[in-house]
Amino acid sequence: MPSREHEKDLEASVPLMEPEHGQGASGSSTNASGAEAEKDLELRNAPGSPLSAAAPVPKKPTLPAAAIVPIWMALSASVILYNFYIFNTLEFKYPVFLVTWHLTFSAICTRILQRTTTLVDGAKEIKMTRQMFLRSILPIGFLFSASLILSNMAYLHLSVAFIQMLKVRS
């Protein structure tokens, strides 16, 4: 025997038929059934209602994981070589500025990906509050930035091969 919830789901999936004027669902002239039908029709047509038909959303292009992993590895190796070049060949000795530049560039690229692909659609579902930001996001961001600054400072003293070995192990 189907449960009441199952019956409600079935009712919601069946399109509502408007009764004729002055007639209820059974054909008799009852105002209660007609009022209920009108109320249900209003709920279905209300904007943002889960009962209303959603407009089709164009599908954004997706990138398979088999393509993402090699791209990530190539970009990681290129960042190591780029940082080494900046710190040793160009003799740029400001790792904090370089981390700031890298994180700004990453933020811009993330915004572009968010608007053009489905890779970061999960970010739209998060309800960010001030308390959540201060307790969750800010400490992680601070520690991640400190980690990047310290790892960039390593380029001033270590070889590329040794840095690459350290990154592969972590």
Protein backbone atom coordinates (compact mmCIF):
# COMPACT_ATOMS: atom_id res chain seq x y z
CA MET A 1 0.00 0.00 0.00
CA PRO A 2 1.58 3.35 -0.99
CA SER A 3 2.34 5.84 1.75
CA ARG A 4 0.78 9.30 1.96
CA GLU A 5 4.12 10.88 0.92
CA HIS A 6 4.19 8.70 -2.19
CA GLU A 7 0.63 9.78 -3.01
CA LYS A 8 1.60 13.45 -2.62
CA ASP A 9 4.56 12.93 -4.97
CA LEU A 10 2.24 11.36 -7.54
CA GLU A 11 -0.25 14.20 -7.17
CA ALA A 12 2.51 16.76 -7.70
CA SER A 13 3.69 15.01 -10.85
CA VAL A 14 0.22 14.89 -12.45
CA PRO A 15 -0.71 18.12 -14.21
CA LEU A 16 -3.59 19.96 -12.59
CA MET A 17 -6.79 20.03 -14.58
CA GLU A 18 -8.87 23.14 -14.03
CA PRO A 19 -12.45 22.28 -13.15
CA GLU A 20 -15.22 23.83 -15.17
CA HIS A 21 -16.78 26.97 -13.73
CA GLY A 22 -18.84 26.21 -10.65
CA GLN A 23 -17.88 22.55 -10.55
CA GLY A 24 -15.51 20.77 -8.20
CA ALA A 25 -13.24 17.84 -8.94
CA SER A 26 -16.16 15.39 -8.86
CA GLY A 27 -18.39 17.48 -11.13
CA SER A 28 -20.66 18.72 -8.35
CA SER A 29 -20.89 22.42 -7.68
CA THR A 30 -18.85 22.78 -4.48
CA ASN A 31 -16.92 25.96 -3.80
CA ALA A 32 -14.38 24.22 -1.53
CA SER A 33 -12.98 22.01 -4.31
CA GLY A 34 -12.90 24.89 -6.77
CA ALA A 35 -11.11 27.12 -4.27
CA GLU A 36 -8.58 24.38 -3.57
CA ALA A 37 -7.97 23.90 -7.27
CA GLU A 38 -7.47 27.64 -7.80
CA LYS A 39 -5.09 27.80 -4.83
CA ASP A 40 -3.12 24.83 -6.19
CA LEU A 41 -2.98 26.47 -9.62
CA GLU A 42 -1.67 29.70 -8.08
CA LEU A 43 1.04 27.74 -6.23
CA ARG A 44 2.10 25.99 -9.42
CA ASN A 45 2.35 29.26 -11.35
CA ALA A 46 4.05 31.28 -8.58
CA PRO A 47 7.60 32.39 -9.46
CA GLY A 48 10.20 30.34 -7.62
CA SER A 49 7.68 27.68 -6.65
CA PRO A 50 9.01 24.11 -6.68
CA LEU A 51 5.75 23.16 -8.37
CA SER A 52 6.22 25.55 -11.28
CA ALA A 53 7.93 24.36 -14.41
CA ALA A 54 11.57 25.42 -14.47
CA ALA A 55 12.90 27.11 -17.57
CA PRO A 56 15.53 25.04 -19.34
CA VAL A 57 19.04 26.13 -18.38
CA PRO A 58 21.71 25.88 -21.07
CA LYS A 59 24.32 23.29 -20.15
CA LYS A 60 27.84 24.61 -19.60
CA PRO A 61 30.76 22.67 -21.04
CA THR A 62 32.43 20.19 -18.68
CA LEU A 63 36.01 18.99 -18.55
CA PRO A 64 36.66 15.32 -17.69
CA ALA A 65 39.02 14.40 -14.83
CA ALA A 66 41.31 12.64 -17.30
CA ALA A 67 42.03 16.05 -18.83
CA ILE A 68 42.16 18.00 -15.56
CA VAL A 69 44.90 15.90 -13.89
CA PRO A 70 47.54 16.28 -16.67
CA ILE A 71 46.74 19.98 -16.96
CA TRP A 72 47.18 20.36 -13.18
CA MET A 73 50.53 18.52 -13.28
CA ALA A 74 51.81 20.58 -16.19
CA LEU A 75 50.77 23.84 -14.55
CA SER A 76 52.38 22.81 -11.25
CA ALA A 77 55.70 22.05 -12.96
CA SER A 78 55.52 25.28 -14.95
CA VAL A 79 54.88 27.32 -11.77
CA ILE A 80 57.97 25.77 -10.16
CA LEU A 81 60.13 26.63 -13.18
CA TYR A 82 58.59 30.10 -13.43
CA ASN A 83 59.20 30.86 -9.75
CA PHE A 84 62.77 29.58 -9.94
CA TYR A 85 63.39 31.77 -12.99
CA ILE A 86 61.95 34.84 -11.25
CA PHE A 87 63.87 34.33 -8.00
CA ASN A 88 67.24 33.21 -9.36
CA THR A 89 67.64 34.46 -12.93
CA LEU A 90 65.83 37.77 -12.53
CA GLU A 91 66.99 38.08 -8.91
CA PHE A 92 63.55 39.11 -7.67
CA LYS A 93 63.76 38.66 -3.89
CA TYR A 94 60.15 39.44 -2.84
CA PRO A 95 58.24 36.19 -2.26
CA VAL A 96 55.31 37.93 -0.51
CA PHE A 97 54.62 40.11 -3.55
CA LEU A 98 54.89 37.11 -5.85
CA VAL A 99 52.38 35.12 -3.76
CA THR A 100 49.99 38.08 -3.83
CA TRP A 101 50.30 38.24 -7.62
CA HIS A 102 49.76 34.46 -7.98
CA LEU A 103 46.67 34.45 -5.72
CA THR A 104 45.16 37.44 -7.54
CA PHE A 105 45.68 35.67 -10.86
CA SER A 106 44.13 32.48 -9.43
CA ALA A 107 41.09 34.39 -8.18
CA ILE A 108 40.55 35.92 -11.62
CA CYS A 109 40.89 32.53 -13.34
CA THR A 110 38.46 30.96 -10.86
CA ARG A 111 35.86 33.62 -11.62
CA ILE A 112 36.28 32.97 -15.34
CA LEU A 113 35.87 29.20 -14.80
CA GLN A 114 32.80 29.81 -12.63
CA ARG A 115 31.10 31.78 -15.40
CA THR A 116 32.12 29.54 -18.32
CA THR A 117 32.17 25.94 -17.00
CA THR A 118 30.45 23.68 -14.47
CA LEU A 119 33.69 22.95 -12.59
CA VAL A 120 32.90 25.28 -9.66
CA ASP A 121 29.09 25.12 -9.55
CA GLY A 122 29.24 23.90 -5.95
CA ALA A 123 30.33 27.36 -4.83
CA LYS A 124 26.92 28.77 -5.73
CA GLU A 125 25.18 26.52 -3.17
CA ILE A 126 27.19 27.73 -0.15
CA LYS A 127 25.48 30.26 2.08
CA MET A 128 28.38 32.37 3.36
CA THR A 129 27.94 34.15 6.67
CA ARG A 130 30.38 36.40 8.49
CA GLN A 131 30.85 33.81 11.25
CA MET A 132 31.54 31.04 8.72
CA PHE A 133 34.03 33.27 6.91
CA LEU A 134 35.89 34.19 10.11
CA ARG A 135 36.00 30.62 11.47
CA SER A 136 36.47 28.56 8.32
CA ILE A 137 37.72 30.55 5.36
CA LEU A 138 40.01 33.15 6.92
CA PRO A 139 42.26 30.76 8.93
CA ILE A 140 42.64 28.41 5.97
CA GLY A 141 43.41 31.31 3.63
CA PHE A 142 45.96 32.75 6.06
CA LEU A 143 47.74 29.41 6.55
CA PHE A 144 47.68 28.66 2.82
CA SER A 145 49.20 32.07 2.06
CA ALA A 146 51.89 31.52 4.72
CA SER A 147 52.64 28.11 3.18
CA LEU A 148 53.01 29.67 -0.27
CA ILE A 149 55.26 32.44 1.04
CA LEU A 150 57.52 29.97 2.84
CA SER A 151 57.68 27.66 -0.16
CA ASN A 152 58.55 30.60 -2.41
CA MET A 153 61.30 31.57 0.02
CA ALA A 154 62.70 28.06 -0.51
CA TYR A 155 63.40 28.98 -4.14
CA LEU A 156 66.01 31.39 -2.86
CA HIS A 157 68.01 28.55 -1.29
CA LEU A 158 67.10 25.20 -2.95
CA SER A 159 67.45 23.70 -6.42
CA VAL A 160 64.53 23.11 -8.79
CA ALA A 161 65.07 19.34 -8.71
CA PHE A 162 64.90 19.24 -4.92
CA ILE A 163 61.78 21.42 -4.84
CA GLN A 164 60.12 19.21 -7.47
CA MET A 165 60.90 16.11 -5.38
CA LEU A 166 59.37 17.77 -2.31
CA LYS A 167 56.19 18.63 -4.23
CA VAL A 168 55.84 15.10 -5.59
CA ARG A 169 56.06 13.63 -2.07
CA SER A 170 53.40 15.92 -0.63
